[in-house]
């Protein structure tokens, strides 16, 4: 369970059961992609989540420490793609994650990614890691869904408070319904924000202003999880270097590699990222 010492990188949020077009399923969720990315970049990575035993989280994430709160249901998503856009459906929601359930030793972790997908994290998580570099992917706070499970963006009433309390806010254009005015608004609330824009790359918002970073060329097979890989890679590299620009380039590169295979199969290791960085094969 990894409770006796702190990992290097901790992802907090629900793993998901992602429904496949053939009716099967695969493990997903930001925490799955992010922790696996951190592990492949050389970190001792961990996940704090809730799920039923039959989801097989520990098996799928063999090189990641896991603390799994028992749940009768797994948070279940179905993604239907139309080109680069997708329509999401939520079919089930697992047990919310309570701060008091976290192993005490994990409060000292140096890199934390708060990664809600269905409002499973309350705001008390924002102050839970006083010594850590804290990132958040807020997509799960920015979602609502109807009786059929159809997901859409909604303006979260706690955004002003929450986004100012993390060190890095990482989200995509898609997370805010493609509304650039909302992108700019949310970025201004944060100490530092990174907005991913698919093949258009990413924009870094910091005290130095806004800076765009081009995407890397990739032979896309499956875009699922690319933003989650980006988030983890950005946090790891920012912690290593203190250079947000270098972290954005590194994360763009990692994300480009992750789309070249199905699911989590193409999450890259550090040598792959460094090799593509050396080649500098950028779009645009």
Protein backbone atom coordinates (compact mmCIF):
# COMPACT_ATOMS: atom_id res chain seq x y z
CA UNK A 1 0.00 0.00 0.00
CA UNK A 2 3.00 2.34 0.25
CA UNK A 3 1.95 3.86 3.60
CA UNK A 4 5.33 3.80 5.40
CA UNK A 5 6.99 6.55 3.30
CA UNK A 6 6.07 9.26 0.87
CA UNK A 7 6.33 8.68 -2.87
CA UNK A 8 7.93 11.25 -5.18
CA UNK A 9 4.71 11.91 -7.09
CA UNK A 10 1.11 11.48 -5.95
CA UNK A 11 -2.00 11.63 -8.13
CA UNK A 12 -5.32 12.01 -6.28
CA UNK A 13 -8.67 11.29 -7.93
CA UNK A 14 -10.81 8.52 -9.34
CA UNK A 15 -9.45 5.91 -11.67
CA UNK A 16 -12.11 5.19 -14.26
CA UNK A 17 -13.66 2.33 -16.15
CA UNK A 18 -13.59 3.59 -19.75
CA UNK A 19 -16.10 1.90 -22.03
CA UNK A 20 -14.67 0.82 -25.40
CA UNK A 21 -16.56 0.82 -28.72
CA UNK A 22 -16.73 -2.99 -28.69
CA UNK A 23 -18.49 -2.98 -25.30
CA UNK A 24 -15.38 -3.89 -23.29
CA UNK A 25 -13.55 -1.51 -21.02
CA UNK A 26 -10.09 -0.29 -20.09
CA UNK A 27 -8.64 1.45 -17.07
CA UNK A 28 -8.51 5.21 -17.41
CA UNK A 29 -8.73 8.44 -15.48
CA UNK A 30 -6.23 11.27 -15.12
CA UNK A 31 -4.58 9.64 -12.11
CA UNK A 32 -3.86 6.45 -14.06
CA UNK A 33 -2.17 8.19 -16.99
CA UNK A 34 -0.43 10.75 -14.77
CA UNK A 35 1.03 8.30 -12.25
CA UNK A 36 2.19 5.94 -14.99
CA UNK A 37 3.86 8.88 -16.73
CA UNK A 38 5.65 9.92 -13.55
CA UNK A 39 6.80 6.35 -12.98
CA UNK A 40 8.16 6.06 -16.52
CA UNK A 41 10.00 9.35 -16.02
CA UNK A 42 11.80 7.81 -13.05
CA UNK A 43 9.65 8.88 -10.10
CA UNK A 44 8.35 6.67 -7.31
CA UNK A 45 4.72 7.33 -8.22
CA UNK A 46 1.52 6.69 -6.29
CA UNK A 47 -2.25 6.94 -6.71
CA UNK A 48 -4.89 7.61 -4.07
CA UNK A 49 -8.26 6.58 -5.45
CA UNK A 50 -11.45 4.59 -4.92
CA UNK A 51 -12.60 1.64 -7.00
CA UNK A 52 -14.03 -1.87 -6.76
CA UNK A 53 -11.54 -4.71 -6.44
CA UNK A 54 -12.52 -6.22 -9.80
CA UNK A 55 -11.29 -3.16 -11.70
CA UNK A 56 -7.73 -4.47 -11.34
CA UNK A 57 -6.05 -1.13 -10.63
CA UNK A 58 -2.94 -2.55 -8.96
CA UNK A 59 -2.41 -5.00 -11.81
CA UNK A 60 -2.77 -2.36 -14.52
CA UNK A 61 -0.50 0.07 -12.67
CA UNK A 62 2.18 -2.41 -11.68
CA UNK A 63 4.95 0.15 -11.17
CA UNK A 64 2.76 2.56 -9.20
CA UNK A 65 1.97 2.44 -5.48
CA UNK A 66 -1.77 2.43 -4.86
CA UNK A 67 -4.04 3.19 -1.94
CA UNK A 68 -7.54 2.22 -2.99
CA UNK A 69 -10.64 3.10 -0.98
CA UNK A 70 -13.20 0.30 -1.49
CA UNK A 71 -16.17 1.23 -3.66
CA UNK A 72 -19.10 -0.82 -4.94
CA UNK A 73 -18.93 1.00 -8.27
CA UNK A 74 -16.21 2.38 -10.51
CA UNK A 75 -16.50 5.83 -12.01
CA UNK A 76 -17.42 4.92 -15.59
CA UNK A 77 -17.00 7.07 -18.69
CA UNK A 78 -17.82 6.59 -22.33
CA UNK A 79 -16.05 8.84 -24.84
CA UNK A 80 -17.46 9.17 -28.35
CA UNK A 81 -15.03 10.92 -30.70
CA UNK A 82 -15.94 13.06 -33.69
CA UNK A 83 -12.56 13.93 -35.19
CA UNK A 84 -10.61 15.64 -32.39
CA UNK A 85 -13.73 16.54 -30.43
CA UNK A 86 -15.51 14.13 -28.12
CA UNK A 87 -18.80 13.73 -26.33
CA UNK A 88 -18.51 12.22 -22.87
CA UNK A 89 -21.02 10.28 -20.82
CA UNK A 90 -20.81 9.40 -17.11
CA UNK A 91 -22.49 6.08 -16.35
CA UNK A 92 -21.47 5.56 -12.68
CA UNK A 93 -19.59 7.34 -9.89
CA UNK A 94 -17.32 5.75 -7.27
CA UNK A 95 -16.98 6.69 -3.59
CA UNK A 96 -15.78 10.28 -3.01
CA UNK A 97 -12.26 10.64 -1.61
CA UNK A 98 -12.05 11.93 1.96
CA UNK A 99 -8.83 13.57 3.13
CA UNK A 100 -8.77 11.58 6.37
CA UNK A 101 -8.44 8.37 4.33
CA UNK A 102 -5.04 9.42 2.96
CA UNK A 103 -2.01 7.61 4.46
CA UNK A 104 -0.40 10.07 6.88
CA UNK A 105 3.10 9.61 5.43
CA UNK A 106 1.84 10.71 2.01
CA UNK A 107 1.19 14.26 3.28
CA UNK A 108 4.90 15.01 2.71
CA UNK A 109 5.01 14.06 -0.97
CA UNK A 110 7.03 16.62 -3.02
CA UNK A 111 4.86 16.59 -6.20
CA UNK A 112 1.06 16.31 -6.05
CA UNK A 113 -1.50 16.34 -8.84
CA UNK A 114 -5.11 16.84 -7.72
CA UNK A 115 -7.06 15.26 -10.56
CA UNK A 116 -10.83 15.13 -9.97
CA UNK A 117 -12.99 13.72 -12.73
CA UNK A 118 -16.48 13.74 -11.12
CA UNK A 119 -16.33 16.19 -8.18
CA UNK A 120 -14.80 13.50 -5.94
CA UNK A 121 -12.37 15.92 -4.24
CA UNK A 122 -13.62 18.57 -1.80
CA UNK A 123 -11.78 21.84 -1.27
CA UNK A 124 -10.02 20.64 1.90
CA UNK A 125 -7.59 18.79 -0.40
CA UNK A 126 -6.14 22.15 -1.48
CA UNK A 127 -4.29 22.63 1.80
CA UNK A 128 -3.38 19.01 2.44
CA UNK A 129 0.24 19.08 1.21
CA UNK A 130 2.01 22.11 2.69
CA UNK A 131 5.49 21.05 1.55
CA UNK A 132 4.58 19.93 -1.95
CA UNK A 133 4.48 21.42 -5.45
CA UNK A 134 0.73 21.24 -6.07
CA UNK A 135 -0.85 20.96 -9.49
CA UNK A 136 -4.51 20.57 -10.35
CA UNK A 137 -6.32 19.39 -13.44
CA UNK A 138 -9.76 20.84 -12.71
CA UNK A 139 -11.81 19.10 -15.38
CA UNK A 140 -13.79 17.11 -12.81
CA UNK A 141 -14.80 20.33 -11.05
CA UNK A 142 -15.88 21.85 -14.38
CA UNK A 143 -18.25 19.07 -15.41
CA UNK A 144 -21.95 18.52 -14.99
CA UNK A 145 -24.09 15.85 -16.57
CA UNK A 146 -27.74 15.28 -17.28
CA UNK A 147 -29.96 12.29 -16.50
CA UNK A 148 -28.56 10.46 -19.51
CA UNK A 149 -25.00 11.03 -18.27
CA UNK A 150 -24.15 13.46 -21.08
CA UNK A 151 -21.32 15.69 -19.86
CA UNK A 152 -21.04 19.42 -20.46
CA UNK A 153 -18.93 22.27 -19.12
CA UNK A 154 -20.28 24.35 -16.27
CA UNK A 155 -18.86 27.41 -14.55
CA UNK A 156 -17.73 26.20 -11.13
CA UNK A 157 -18.65 28.53 -8.30
CA UNK A 158 -15.49 27.75 -6.30
CA UNK A 159 -13.04 28.44 -9.14
CA UNK A 160 -11.80 31.76 -7.78
CA UNK A 161 -10.83 30.28 -4.43
CA UNK A 162 -9.53 26.93 -5.63
CA UNK A 163 -7.46 27.99 -8.61
CA UNK A 164 -5.53 30.56 -6.60
CA UNK A 165 -4.49 27.99 -3.98
CA UNK A 166 -2.56 25.58 -6.23
CA UNK A 167 0.90 26.19 -7.68
CA UNK A 168 -0.03 25.13 -11.21
CA UNK A 169 -3.43 24.89 -12.90
CA UNK A 170 -3.47 22.65 -16.00
CA UNK A 171 -6.50 22.35 -18.24
CA UNK A 172 -7.49 22.07 -21.89
CA UNK A 173 -9.55 24.26 -24.18
CA UNK A 174 -12.06 21.41 -24.26
CA UNK A 175 -12.46 21.48 -20.46
CA UNK A 176 -14.03 24.95 -20.74
CA UNK A 177 -16.10 24.25 -23.84
CA UNK A 178 -13.58 25.92 -26.13
CA UNK A 179 -14.45 29.36 -24.73
CA UNK A 180 -11.28 31.47 -24.94
CA UNK A 181 -12.73 34.10 -22.61
CA UNK A 182 -13.03 31.43 -19.91
CA UNK A 183 -9.50 30.20 -20.64
CA UNK A 184 -8.20 33.71 -20.00
CA UNK A 185 -10.38 34.19 -16.91
CA UNK A 186 -9.30 30.95 -15.25
CA UNK A 187 -5.65 31.50 -16.15
CA UNK A 188 -5.74 34.90 -14.42
CA UNK A 189 -7.01 33.27 -11.22
CA UNK A 190 -3.98 31.00 -10.94
CA UNK A 191 -0.38 31.61 -9.86
CA UNK A 192 0.63 29.70 -12.99
CA UNK A 193 -1.59 28.04 -15.59
CA UNK A 194 -0.96 25.87 -18.61
CA UNK A 195 -3.68 25.41 -21.24
CA UNK A 196 -3.33 22.53 -23.68
CA UNK A 197 -4.62 23.06 -27.21
CA UNK A 198 -4.15 19.71 -28.97
CA UNK A 199 -2.18 20.06 -32.21
CA UNK A 200 -1.87 23.80 -31.51
CA UNK A 201 0.39 23.02 -28.55
CA UNK A 202 0.02 24.75 -25.20
CA UNK A 203 -0.03 28.21 -23.66
CA UNK A 204 1.83 28.97 -20.43
CA UNK A 205 0.44 31.79 -18.28
CA UNK A 206 2.78 33.09 -15.58
CA UNK A 207 3.96 36.30 -13.96
CA UNK A 208 5.96 36.90 -17.16
CA UNK A 209 2.81 36.89 -19.30
CA UNK A 210 1.49 34.34 -21.82
CA UNK A 211 3.80 32.21 -23.96
CA UNK A 212 2.82 29.68 -26.64
CA UNK A 213 4.64 26.38 -27.15
CA UNK A 214 4.25 24.43 -30.39
CA UNK A 215 3.20 20.80 -30.40
CA UNK A 216 5.51 18.05 -31.62
CA UNK A 217 4.80 16.04 -34.74
CA UNK A 218 3.11 12.72 -33.96
CA UNK A 219 1.41 9.83 -35.75
CA UNK A 220 -1.82 9.91 -33.78
CA UNK A 221 -3.51 6.61 -32.93
CA UNK A 222 -5.43 7.47 -29.76
CA UNK A 223 -5.58 10.95 -28.14
CA UNK A 224 -7.06 9.65 -24.88
CA UNK A 225 -4.98 10.66 -21.88
CA UNK A 226 -2.64 13.03 -23.72
CA UNK A 227 -3.57 15.92 -21.46
CA UNK A 228 -2.99 13.78 -18.38
CA UNK A 229 0.45 12.75 -19.62
CA UNK A 230 1.17 16.44 -20.28
CA UNK A 231 0.15 17.40 -16.74
CA UNK A 232 2.35 14.82 -15.05
CA UNK A 233 5.34 15.50 -17.29
CA UNK A 234 5.00 19.24 -16.71
CA UNK A 235 4.89 18.83 -12.92
CA UNK A 236 7.85 16.44 -12.84
CA UNK A 237 10.03 18.66 -15.06
CA UNK A 238 9.03 21.85 -13.27
CA UNK A 239 10.02 20.28 -9.95
CA UNK A 240 13.34 19.16 -11.43
CA UNK A 241 14.31 22.43 -13.12
CA UNK A 242 12.19 25.27 -11.77
CA UNK A 243 11.87 26.36 -15.42
CA UNK A 244 8.23 26.51 -16.53
CA UNK A 245 9.14 27.03 -20.18
CA UNK A 246 11.36 23.97 -20.26
CA UNK A 247 8.63 22.02 -18.48
CA UNK A 248 6.05 23.04 -21.09
CA UNK A 249 8.29 21.91 -23.95
CA UNK A 250 9.06 18.64 -22.17
CA UNK A 251 5.35 18.03 -21.48
CA UNK A 252 4.33 18.77 -25.07
CA UNK A 253 6.90 16.24 -26.20
CA UNK A 254 5.71 13.57 -23.77
CA UNK A 255 2.10 14.12 -24.82
CA UNK A 256 2.98 13.75 -28.51
CA UNK A 257 4.50 10.34 -27.85
CA UNK A 258 1.53 9.20 -25.78
CA UNK A 259 -0.95 9.51 -28.67
CA UNK A 260 1.01 7.10 -30.89
CA UNK A 261 -0.53 3.97 -29.32
CA UNK A 262 -3.79 2.82 -27.79
CA UNK A 263 -4.64 3.78 -24.22
CA UNK A 264 -1.72 3.77 -21.79
CA UNK A 265 0.46 1.55 -24.01
CA UNK A 266 2.35 4.53 -25.49
CA UNK A 267 3.01 6.51 -22.30
CA UNK A 268 6.70 7.32 -22.86
CA UNK A 269 9.76 6.88 -20.71
CA UNK A 270 12.37 9.60 -20.21
CA UNK A 271 14.73 8.37 -22.93
CA UNK A 272 11.95 8.56 -25.53
CA UNK A 273 11.06 12.10 -24.51
CA UNK A 274 14.67 13.25 -24.54
CA UNK A 275 15.29 11.72 -27.97
CA UNK A 276 12.26 13.50 -29.51
CA UNK A 277 13.25 16.74 -27.79
CA UNK A 278 16.66 16.52 -29.45
CA UNK A 279 15.05 16.18 -32.87
CA UNK A 280 12.79 19.22 -32.29
CA UNK A 281 10.17 18.08 -34.82
CA UNK A 282 7.59 20.78 -34.08
CA UNK A 283 4.29 21.53 -35.79
CA UNK A 284 3.72 24.96 -37.27
